[in-house]
Amino acid sequence: MKFWPVKGNHQLQLGIEPERLEHDQNIKRTGYRHHRLDGSVATEVSFYSNGAFKRSNVTTGAFLQNIWTLKPNRLFDALVAGAGVRLDYNRKLDDSIVTPRFNISLMPAGIGGWTRLTAGIGWIPENVNLYMLTRPFDQTAIMKGFDRNGALNGVSFAHIFTIDQQKIFFPKITNISLGLEQKLPKNLNVQLNFLRKRESNGFFFDLDQTLTKERADKEQDPGIFPLVFQLKNGKTLTYDAAEIAVSKQLTFKNDSYDLFASYSRSSARSNAAGEYGLDTPVRYSHIAGRLGYDIPNRFVSWGIFETERLRGILLSYHLEYRDGLLYTISNDEGAQVGEFNGQRMPSYFSLNVRLGKNFSRTLGASRYKFQVRVSVENITNNDNATLINSNISSLAFMTLYGKYPRH
């Protein structure tokens, strides 16, 4: 499709995607106890009411996008620009949102080698979790605290979750991306990428002091103090990531080599990096901090080497290094100590090596190819643990579990 007087081609795309979601839950929690190191009970959590319910939701998304491909001229060898708009509706929220997005891909003329520049900006609706929207229908947790002699320590706390449909609206995330791809001599390719995400109105359950006071004034049992958590717009997200990637392909006679390496630096923070839930044994006092996928440093490399001079020997590897996972320290009473996700486990390092040989055989009129391969995972036998004892009162504090040995 061509539009005068602008030279180039326009491609219009239009789509609609209706979807029905169902959350069918049948949970009957009884309760659990948190014991101190001396065996005494620090807290006891009991669940009341019915945890079996079923709720559905209908969402609809419609989009219109125009992709504009301009004809090459003395300024650029290629230029593709895109502009689009999307409409999303969520019946459970009883709200809709319109979000635009724009992108451009440019190959300048007169630059040695092969260069591509890309940029984009878009406002993306946040994926609304149906489990979060149905939490008020779930069971109610009541927490009791005990001293070391077994006596009840103050009042019990009831955790109540509520949603006011008139006070929430569709959250959205702003994405900005930049990219540079440069092809260099000898089949060397270099890429630079940057991604920025920002959100200021995401969903999270916040302890509402006004509702808590109103509910406490109506509570008939003086031994129970209700804590009312209301779903609000106000969760912030700050995510930045920069990456450099280098790849090289080489073919020499009957040999081929593929190499890739990338390094990324990123940061992810939020004022609600965790959440107050029914099944959390740790009592979080504040949940602002680093998100679980905050990995400041990550390096990945892989390579494939195949040579016919060694009769079809195939050698490949995959290497990954990254900073360790985050965790939150708690104490013997089950209470949070320090910043949420304030500590980091040891770094992860894994080197996997595979050695194979290709064979071919002719049987009758058919020719068959197969491969025999030997591989070693985590050849350096690094711990690469997935769990850690985060109880600062424990003698086994910071002991690692879930290790991934060489195999």
Protein backbone atom coordinates (compact mmCIF):
# COMPACT_ATOMS: atom_id res chain seq x y z
CA MET A 1 0.00 0.00 0.00
CA LYS A 2 1.50 3.36 -1.08
CA PHE A 3 0.65 6.81 0.20
CA TRP A 4 1.50 9.90 -1.86
CA PRO A 5 3.53 12.09 -1.55
CA VAL A 6 5.77 10.14 0.84
CA LYS A 7 7.90 7.59 -0.99
CA GLY A 8 7.80 4.16 0.51
CA ASN A 9 5.48 1.36 1.47
CA HIS A 10 3.03 1.26 4.33
CA GLN A 11 1.89 -2.00 5.88
CA LEU A 12 -1.17 -1.76 8.11
CA GLN A 13 -1.84 -4.44 10.71
CA LEU A 14 -5.06 -4.75 12.67
CA GLY A 15 -5.92 -7.37 15.23
CA ILE A 16 -8.18 -8.25 18.13
CA GLU A 17 -7.63 -10.84 20.86
CA PRO A 18 -10.45 -11.69 23.26
CA GLU A 19 -9.56 -14.00 26.13
CA ARG A 20 -11.40 -15.62 29.02
CA LEU A 21 -9.44 -16.50 32.16
CA GLU A 22 -10.54 -18.66 35.09
CA HIS A 23 -9.08 -18.99 38.56
CA ASP A 24 -10.34 -22.17 40.20
CA GLN A 25 -8.96 -22.64 43.70
CA ASN A 26 -9.61 -25.30 46.29
CA ILE A 27 -7.20 -24.75 49.18
CA LYS A 28 -7.79 -25.82 52.76
CA ARG A 29 -4.93 -24.45 54.82
CA THR A 30 -4.83 -25.54 58.45
CA GLY A 31 -1.93 -23.59 59.87
CA TYR A 32 1.73 -23.68 60.79
CA ARG A 33 4.04 -22.79 63.66
CA HIS A 34 7.36 -20.99 63.67
CA HIS A 35 9.71 -22.47 66.28
CA ARG A 36 12.70 -20.80 67.84
CA LEU A 37 16.04 -22.58 68.03
CA ASP A 38 15.30 -23.64 71.62
CA GLY A 39 12.11 -25.38 70.44
CA SER A 40 9.64 -22.87 71.82
CA VAL A 41 6.87 -21.57 69.54
CA ALA A 42 7.42 -17.98 68.36
CA THR A 43 4.30 -17.59 66.21
CA GLU A 44 1.32 -19.69 65.23
CA VAL A 45 -0.69 -18.99 62.08
CA SER A 46 -4.21 -20.39 61.67
CA PHE A 47 -6.45 -20.07 58.62
CA TYR A 48 -10.19 -19.56 58.75
CA SER A 49 -13.08 -19.41 56.28
CA ASN A 50 -13.29 -21.27 52.99
CA GLY A 51 -10.39 -21.27 50.53
CA ALA A 52 -12.42 -22.82 47.73
CA PHE A 53 -13.78 -20.42 45.14
CA LYS A 54 -13.93 -19.86 41.40
CA ARG A 55 -13.74 -16.56 39.59
CA SER A 56 -13.45 -15.67 35.91
CA ASN A 57 -12.31 -12.68 33.93
CA VAL A 58 -12.62 -11.50 30.34
CA THR A 59 -9.92 -9.41 28.70
CA THR A 60 -9.87 -7.97 25.20
CA GLY A 61 -6.98 -6.44 23.32
CA ALA A 62 -7.16 -4.67 19.96
CA PHE A 63 -4.30 -3.04 18.07
CA LEU A 64 -3.61 -1.01 14.95
CA GLN A 65 -0.06 -0.71 13.64
CA ASN A 66 1.53 0.93 10.63
CA ILE A 67 4.97 -0.19 9.41
CA TRP A 68 6.51 2.35 7.04
CA THR A 69 9.40 1.23 4.83
CA LEU A 70 11.09 4.12 3.04
CA LYS A 71 13.00 3.81 -0.19
CA PRO A 72 16.81 4.08 0.10
CA ASN A 73 18.41 7.41 -0.76
CA ARG A 74 21.69 9.26 -0.21
CA LEU A 75 20.96 9.61 3.53
CA PHE A 76 20.19 6.00 4.41
CA ASP A 77 20.36 2.52 2.95
CA ALA A 78 17.28 1.37 4.84
CA LEU A 79 14.72 3.00 7.10
CA VAL A 80 11.74 1.31 8.70
CA ALA A 81 9.49 3.20 11.12
CA GLY A 82 6.54 1.85 13.04
CA ALA A 83 3.71 3.46 14.96
CA GLY A 84 0.87 1.70 16.69
CA VAL A 85 -1.84 1.99 19.27
CA ARG A 86 -3.41 -0.70 21.47
CA LEU A 87 -6.68 -0.81 23.38
CA ASP A 88 -7.00 -3.17 26.36
CA TYR A 89 -10.10 -3.88 28.41
CA ASN A 90 -10.30 -5.86 31.65
CA ARG A 91 -13.75 -6.78 32.94
CA LYS A 92 -12.54 -7.50 36.46
CA LEU A 93 -11.06 -4.02 36.71
CA ASP A 94 -13.98 -2.55 34.79
CA ASP A 95 -11.41 -0.36 33.08
CA SER A 96 -9.78 0.10 29.69
CA ILE A 97 -6.54 1.72 28.59
CA VAL A 98 -5.13 3.04 25.31
CA THR A 99 -1.35 2.80 24.88
CA PRO A 100 0.75 4.01 21.93
CA ARG A 101 4.15 2.75 20.80
CA PHE A 102 6.75 3.88 18.25
CA ASN A 103 9.92 2.33 16.82
CA ILE A 104 12.50 3.01 14.13
CA SER A 105 15.27 1.01 12.44
CA LEU A 106 17.87 2.92 10.42
CA MET A 107 20.86 1.90 8.30
CA PRO A 108 22.77 5.12 7.52
CA ALA A 109 24.45 5.56 4.16
CA GLY A 110 28.10 6.37 3.73
CA ILE A 111 29.32 4.53 6.83
CA GLY A 112 31.93 1.86 6.37
CA GLY A 113 30.73 -1.65 7.01
CA TRP A 114 27.14 -2.50 7.91
CA THR A 115 25.43 -0.44 10.64
CA ARG A 116 21.91 -0.61 12.06
CA LEU A 117 20.47 1.81 14.63
CA THR A 118 17.22 1.02 16.44
CA ALA A 119 15.10 2.90 18.94
CA GLY A 120 11.67 2.42 20.44
CA ILE A 121 9.32 3.76 23.05
CA GLY A 122 6.08 2.22 24.19
CA TRP A 123 3.56 2.26 26.99
CA ILE A 124 2.69 -1.33 27.87
CA PRO A 125 -0.31 -2.37 30.03
CA GLU A 126 0.80 -4.40 33.02
CA ASN A 127 -0.26 -8.02 33.05
CA VAL A 128 -3.00 -8.12 35.69
CA ASN A 129 -2.75 -11.21 37.88
CA LEU A 130 -6.16 -12.79 38.46
CA TYR A 131 -4.87 -14.39 41.67
CA MET A 132 -4.17 -10.92 43.05
CA LEU A 133 -7.66 -9.72 42.13
CA THR A 134 -9.27 -12.69 43.90
CA ARG A 135 -7.27 -12.54 47.12
CA PRO A 136 -10.16 -11.04 49.16
CA PHE A 137 -12.09 -14.29 48.54
CA ASP A 138 -9.30 -16.40 50.05
CA GLN A 139 -8.92 -17.58 53.63
CA THR A 140 -8.12 -15.23 56.49
CA ALA A 141 -4.85 -15.76 58.37
CA ILE A 142 -4.65 -15.06 62.12
CA MET A 143 -1.20 -14.86 63.66
CA LYS A 144 -0.55 -15.36 67.38
CA GLY A 145 2.75 -14.55 69.09
CA PHE A 146 4.15 -16.38 72.14
CA ASP A 147 6.96 -15.70 74.55
CA ARG A 148 9.55 -18.35 75.41
CA ASN A 149 7.40 -19.61 78.28
CA GLY A 150 4.49 -20.32 75.94
CA ALA A 151 2.31 -17.42 77.08
CA LEU A 152 0.38 -15.40 74.50
CA ASN A 153 2.41 -12.32 73.63
CA GLY A 154 -0.09 -9.50 73.13
CA VAL A 155 -3.00 -9.61 70.69
CA SER A 156 -3.41 -11.76 67.60
CA PHE A 157 -3.31 -10.20 64.16
CA ALA A 158 -5.83 -11.01 61.42
CA HIS A 159 -4.62 -10.37 57.85
CA ILE A 160 -7.50 -9.09 55.72
CA PHE A 161 -7.24 -8.24 52.02
CA THR A 162 -9.72 -5.96 50.29
CA ILE A 163 -10.26 -4.26 46.92
CA ASP A 164 -12.18 -1.07 46.18
CA GLN A 165 -13.00 -1.19 42.45
CA GLN A 166 -13.58 2.56 42.39
CA LYS A 167 -10.03 3.33 43.48
CA ILE A 168 -7.95 1.20 41.12
CA PHE A 169 -7.18 1.57 37.44
CA PHE A 170 -5.20 -0.13 34.67
CA PRO A 171 -1.44 0.13 35.43
CA LYS A 172 1.09 0.62 32.63
CA ILE A 173 4.85 0.43 32.11
CA THR A 174 6.95 2.78 30.00
CA ASN A 175 9.64 1.02 27.92
CA ILE A 176 12.47 2.79 26.11
CA SER A 177 14.99 0.80 24.06
CA LEU A 178 18.07 1.76 22.04
CA GLY A 179 20.25 -0.48 19.91
CA LEU A 180 23.32 -0.45 17.70
CA GLU A 181 24.45 -3.33 15.51
CA GLN A 182 27.72 -3.14 13.60
CA LYS A 183 29.14 -5.75 11.27
CA LEU A 184 32.93 -5.64 11.08
CA PRO A 185 35.43 -7.39 8.80
CA LYS A 186 36.12 -11.10 9.17
CA ASN A 187 32.48 -11.94 10.05
CA LEU A 188 32.61 -10.12 13.38
CA ASN A 189 29.31 -8.72 14.63
CA VAL A 190 28.92 -6.32 17.58
CA GLN A 191 25.64 -5.32 19.26
CA LEU A 192 24.94 -2.70 21.90
CA ASN A 193 21.51 -2.66 23.56
CA PHE A 194 19.90 -0.55 26.25
CA LEU A 195 16.51 -1.03 27.91
CA ARG A 196 14.78 1.27 30.38
CA LYS A 197 11.53 0.39 32.19
CA ARG A 198 9.57 2.67 34.48
CA GLU A 199 6.31 2.19 36.35
CA SER A 200 4.67 4.33 39.01
CA ASN A 201 1.14 2.94 39.28
CA GLY A 202 1.50 -0.84 39.56
CA PHE A 203 -0.71 -2.98 41.80
CA PHE A 204 0.29 -3.94 45.33
CA PHE A 205 -1.45 -4.63 48.62
CA ASP A 206 -0.64 -1.85 51.08
CA LEU A 207 -1.45 -1.73 54.80
CA ASP A 208 -4.22 0.89 55.00
CA GLN A 209 -4.17 2.65 58.35
CA THR A 210 -7.63 4.20 57.95
CA LEU A 211 -9.35 0.91 57.07
CA THR A 212 -7.41 -0.88 59.80
CA LYS A 213 -8.66 1.60 62.42
CA GLU A 214 -12.25 1.38 61.17
CA ARG A 215 -12.14 -2.42 61.23
CA ALA A 216 -10.51 -2.46 64.68
CA ASP A 217 -13.28 -0.27 66.08
CA LYS A 218 -15.86 -2.81 64.86
CA GLU A 219 -13.96 -5.92 65.97
CA GLN A 220 -15.89 -7.72 68.70
CA ASP A 221 -13.03 -9.94 69.85
CA PRO A 222 -10.62 -7.77 71.90
CA GLY A 223 -7.89 -10.38 71.46
CA ILE A 224 -7.77 -9.92 67.65
CA PHE A 225 -6.45 -6.84 65.90
CA PRO A 226 -7.25 -6.67 62.15
CA LEU A 227 -4.62 -5.56 59.63
CA VAL A 228 -6.37 -4.46 56.44
CA PHE A 229 -4.35 -4.57 53.23
CA GLN A 230 -6.00 -2.80 50.30
CA LEU A 231 -5.09 -3.18 46.64
CA LYS A 232 -3.72 0.13 45.39
CA ASN A 233 -2.02 1.73 42.41
CA GLY A 234 1.36 2.96 43.54
CA LYS A 235 3.93 0.23 42.99
CA THR A 236 7.04 1.64 41.35
CA LEU A 237 9.46 -0.14 39.04
CA THR A 238 12.90 1.10 38.02
CA TYR A 239 14.74 -1.21 35.65
CA ASP A 240 17.81 -0.38 33.54
CA ALA A 241 19.87 -2.81 31.49
CA ALA A 242 22.79 -2.38 29.10
CA GLU A 243 24.30 -5.18 27.04
CA ILE A 244 27.21 -5.66 24.69
CA ALA A 245 27.31 -8.80 22.54
CA VAL A 246 29.97 -10.04 20.13
CA SER A 247 29.57 -12.93 17.71
CA LYS A 248 31.80 -14.39 15.04
CA GLN A 249 31.21 -16.98 12.35
CA LEU A 250 34.03 -18.51 10.38
CA THR A 251 34.04 -21.18 7.68
CA PHE A 252 37.33 -22.53 6.41
CA LYS A 253 37.19 -25.30 3.84
CA ASN A 254 35.07 -27.94 5.60
CA ASP A 255 35.48 -26.48 9.09
CA SER A 256 33.03 -24.11 10.83
CA TYR A 257 33.32 -22.07 14.00
CA ASP A 258 30.57 -20.12 15.79
CA LEU A 259 31.42 -17.98 18.80
CA PHE A 260 29.21 -15.73 20.94
CA ALA A 261 29.84 -13.67 24.08
CA SER A 262 27.73 -11.08 25.87
CA TYR A 263 27.97 -9.00 29.03
CA SER A 264 25.00 -7.25 30.60
CA ARG A 265 24.72 -4.80 33.47
CA SER A 266 21.32 -4.22 35.02
CA SER A 267 19.45 -2.91 38.04
CA ALA A 268 15.87 -3.60 39.19
CA ARG A 269 14.25 -1.87 42.16
CA SER A 270 10.75 -1.29 43.48
CA ASN A 271 8.94 0.14 46.49
CA ALA A 272 7.12 -3.21 46.64
CA ALA A 273 9.78 -5.78 45.74
CA GLY A 274 7.90 -8.38 47.80
CA GLU A 275 4.33 -8.80 48.87
CA TYR A 276 2.32 -9.46 51.99
CA GLY A 277 0.78 -12.88 51.53
CA LEU A 278 -1.05 -15.56 53.46
CA ASP A 279 1.64 -18.22 53.18
CA THR A 280 4.72 -16.16 54.04
CA PRO A 281 6.36 -17.46 57.22
CA VAL A 282 8.54 -14.34 57.55
CA ARG A 283 6.90 -11.18 58.91
CA TYR A 284 8.06 -8.46 56.53
CA SER A 285 8.19 -4.99 58.05
CA HIS A 286 9.01 -3.21 54.76
CA ILE A 287 9.23 -4.56 51.23
CA ALA A 288 10.97 -1.79 49.30
CA GLY A 289 14.26 -2.84 47.75
CA ARG A 290 15.79 -4.84 44.94
CA LEU A 291 13.60 -7.15 42.87
CA GLY A 292 14.34 -10.85 42.70
CA TYR A 293 15.67 -10.57 39.14
CA ASP A 294 18.16 -7.83 40.04
CA ILE A 295 21.36 -9.30 38.59
CA PRO A 296 23.92 -6.48 38.22
CA ASN A 297 26.49 -8.51 36.27
CA ARG A 298 25.96 -11.37 33.84
CA PHE A 299 28.34 -12.86 31.28
CA VAL A 300 27.33 -15.57 28.80
CA SER A 301 29.41 -17.23 26.10
CA TRP A 302 28.98 -20.24 23.86
CA GLY A 303 30.85 -21.75 20.97
CA ILE A 304 30.53 -24.55 18.44
CA PHE A 305 33.55 -25.95 16.63
CA GLU A 306 33.14 -28.56 13.91
CA THR A 307 36.00 -29.83 11.80
CA GLU A 308 36.15 -32.46 9.11
CA ARG A 309 39.91 -32.67 9.43
CA LEU A 310 39.35 -34.59 12.65
CA ARG A 311 36.75 -36.81 10.97
CA GLY A 312 33.62 -34.98 12.08
CA ILE A 313 34.60 -34.11 15.65
CA LEU A 314 32.20 -31.57 17.19
CA LEU A 315 33.16 -29.54 20.25
CA SER A 316 30.83 -27.08 21.97
CA TYR A 317 30.67 -25.20 25.24
CA HIS A 318 28.33 -22.97 27.22
CA LEU A 319 29.63 -20.65 29.93
CA GLU A 320 27.65 -18.44 32.28
CA TYR A 321 28.67 -16.20 35.14
CA ARG A 322 26.31 -13.96 37.11
CA ASP A 323 25.89 -12.40 40.51
CA GLY A 324 24.09 -14.54 43.07
CA LEU A 325 20.40 -14.52 43.94
CA LEU A 326 18.98 -12.17 46.55
CA TYR A 327 17.54 -13.08 49.93
CA THR A 328 16.16 -11.40 53.05
CA ILE A 329 17.52 -12.03 56.54
CA SER A 330 15.10 -13.00 59.32
CA ASN A 331 15.60 -13.74 63.02
CA ASP A 332 14.54 -16.38 65.50
CA GLU A 333 11.14 -14.70 65.93
CA GLY A 334 10.41 -14.91 62.19
CA ALA A 335 10.76 -11.14 61.73
CA GLN A 336 12.59 -9.37 58.92
CA VAL A 337 16.07 -8.04 59.71
CA GLY A 338 17.50 -5.27 57.56
CA GLU A 339 16.55 -4.41 54.00
CA PHE A 340 14.26 -6.58 51.90
CA ASN A 341 16.42 -8.59 49.47
CA GLY A 342 19.37 -6.90 51.10
CA GLN A 343 21.76 -9.83 50.85
CA ARG A 344 23.13 -11.78 47.90
CA MET A 345 24.13 -15.42 47.60
CA PRO A 346 27.53 -16.42 46.16
CA SER A 347 28.07 -15.87 42.45
CA TYR A 348 26.90 -18.44 39.93
CA PHE A 349 29.40 -19.95 37.50
CA SER A 350 28.83 -22.86 35.14
CA LEU A 351 30.88 -24.26 32.27
CA ASN A 352 29.35 -27.07 30.24
CA VAL A 353 31.42 -28.91 27.62
CA ARG A 354 30.20 -31.33 24.97
CA LEU A 355 32.27 -33.50 22.64
CA GLY A 356 30.63 -35.39 19.82
CA LYS A 357 31.40 -37.24 16.63
CA ASN A 358 29.25 -37.52 13.55
CA PHE A 359 28.79 -40.79 11.70
CA SER A 360 27.05 -41.70 8.49
CA ARG A 361 26.12 -45.11 7.19
CA THR A 362 24.48 -46.38 4.04
CA LEU A 363 21.94 -49.14 4.38
CA GLY A 364 20.45 -50.23 1.11
CA ALA A 365 19.27 -47.20 -0.82
CA SER A 366 19.19 -44.93 2.26
CA ARG A 367 21.95 -43.04 3.99
CA TYR A 368 21.70 -42.36 7.74
CA LYS A 369 23.50 -39.80 9.90
CA PHE A 370 23.87 -40.04 13.67
CA GLN A 371 26.02 -38.60 16.44
CA VAL A 372 27.64 -39.92 19.60
CA ARG A 373 28.14 -37.25 22.27
CA VAL A 374 29.70 -36.98 25.73
CA SER A 375 28.95 -33.97 27.91
CA VAL A 376 30.07 -32.67 31.30
CA GLU A 377 27.85 -30.15 33.11
CA ASN A 378 29.39 -27.68 35.58
CA ILE A 379 32.89 -28.93 34.82
CA THR A 380 34.42 -26.67 37.50
CA ASN A 381 32.11 -28.19 40.15
CA ASN A 382 31.00 -24.79 41.43
CA ASP A 383 28.37 -24.94 44.22
CA ASN A 384 25.69 -22.91 42.39
CA ALA A 385 23.32 -23.25 45.35
CA THR A 386 19.66 -22.26 45.04
CA LEU A 387 18.78 -21.90 48.76
CA ILE A 388 20.40 -20.42 51.85
CA ASN A 389 19.68 -20.46 55.57
CA SER A 390 18.71 -16.81 56.13
CA ASN A 391 17.94 -17.06 59.88
CA ILE A 392 20.54 -14.86 61.53
CA SER A 393 19.89 -16.56 64.88
CA SER A 394 20.69 -20.02 63.54
CA LEU A 395 24.05 -21.73 64.00
CA ALA A 396 23.72 -22.74 60.34
CA PHE A 397 23.19 -19.16 59.18
CA MET A 398 24.30 -18.68 55.55
CA THR A 399 24.60 -22.43 54.94
CA LEU A 400 23.96 -23.20 51.28
CA TYR A 401 21.53 -25.81 50.00
CA GLY A 402 20.35 -27.06 46.62
CA LYS A 403 23.85 -27.32 45.17
CA TYR A 404 24.40 -28.31 41.56
CA PRO A 405 27.55 -30.50 41.41
CA ARG A 406 29.50 -31.59 38.36
CA HIS A 407 27.84 -34.42 36.46
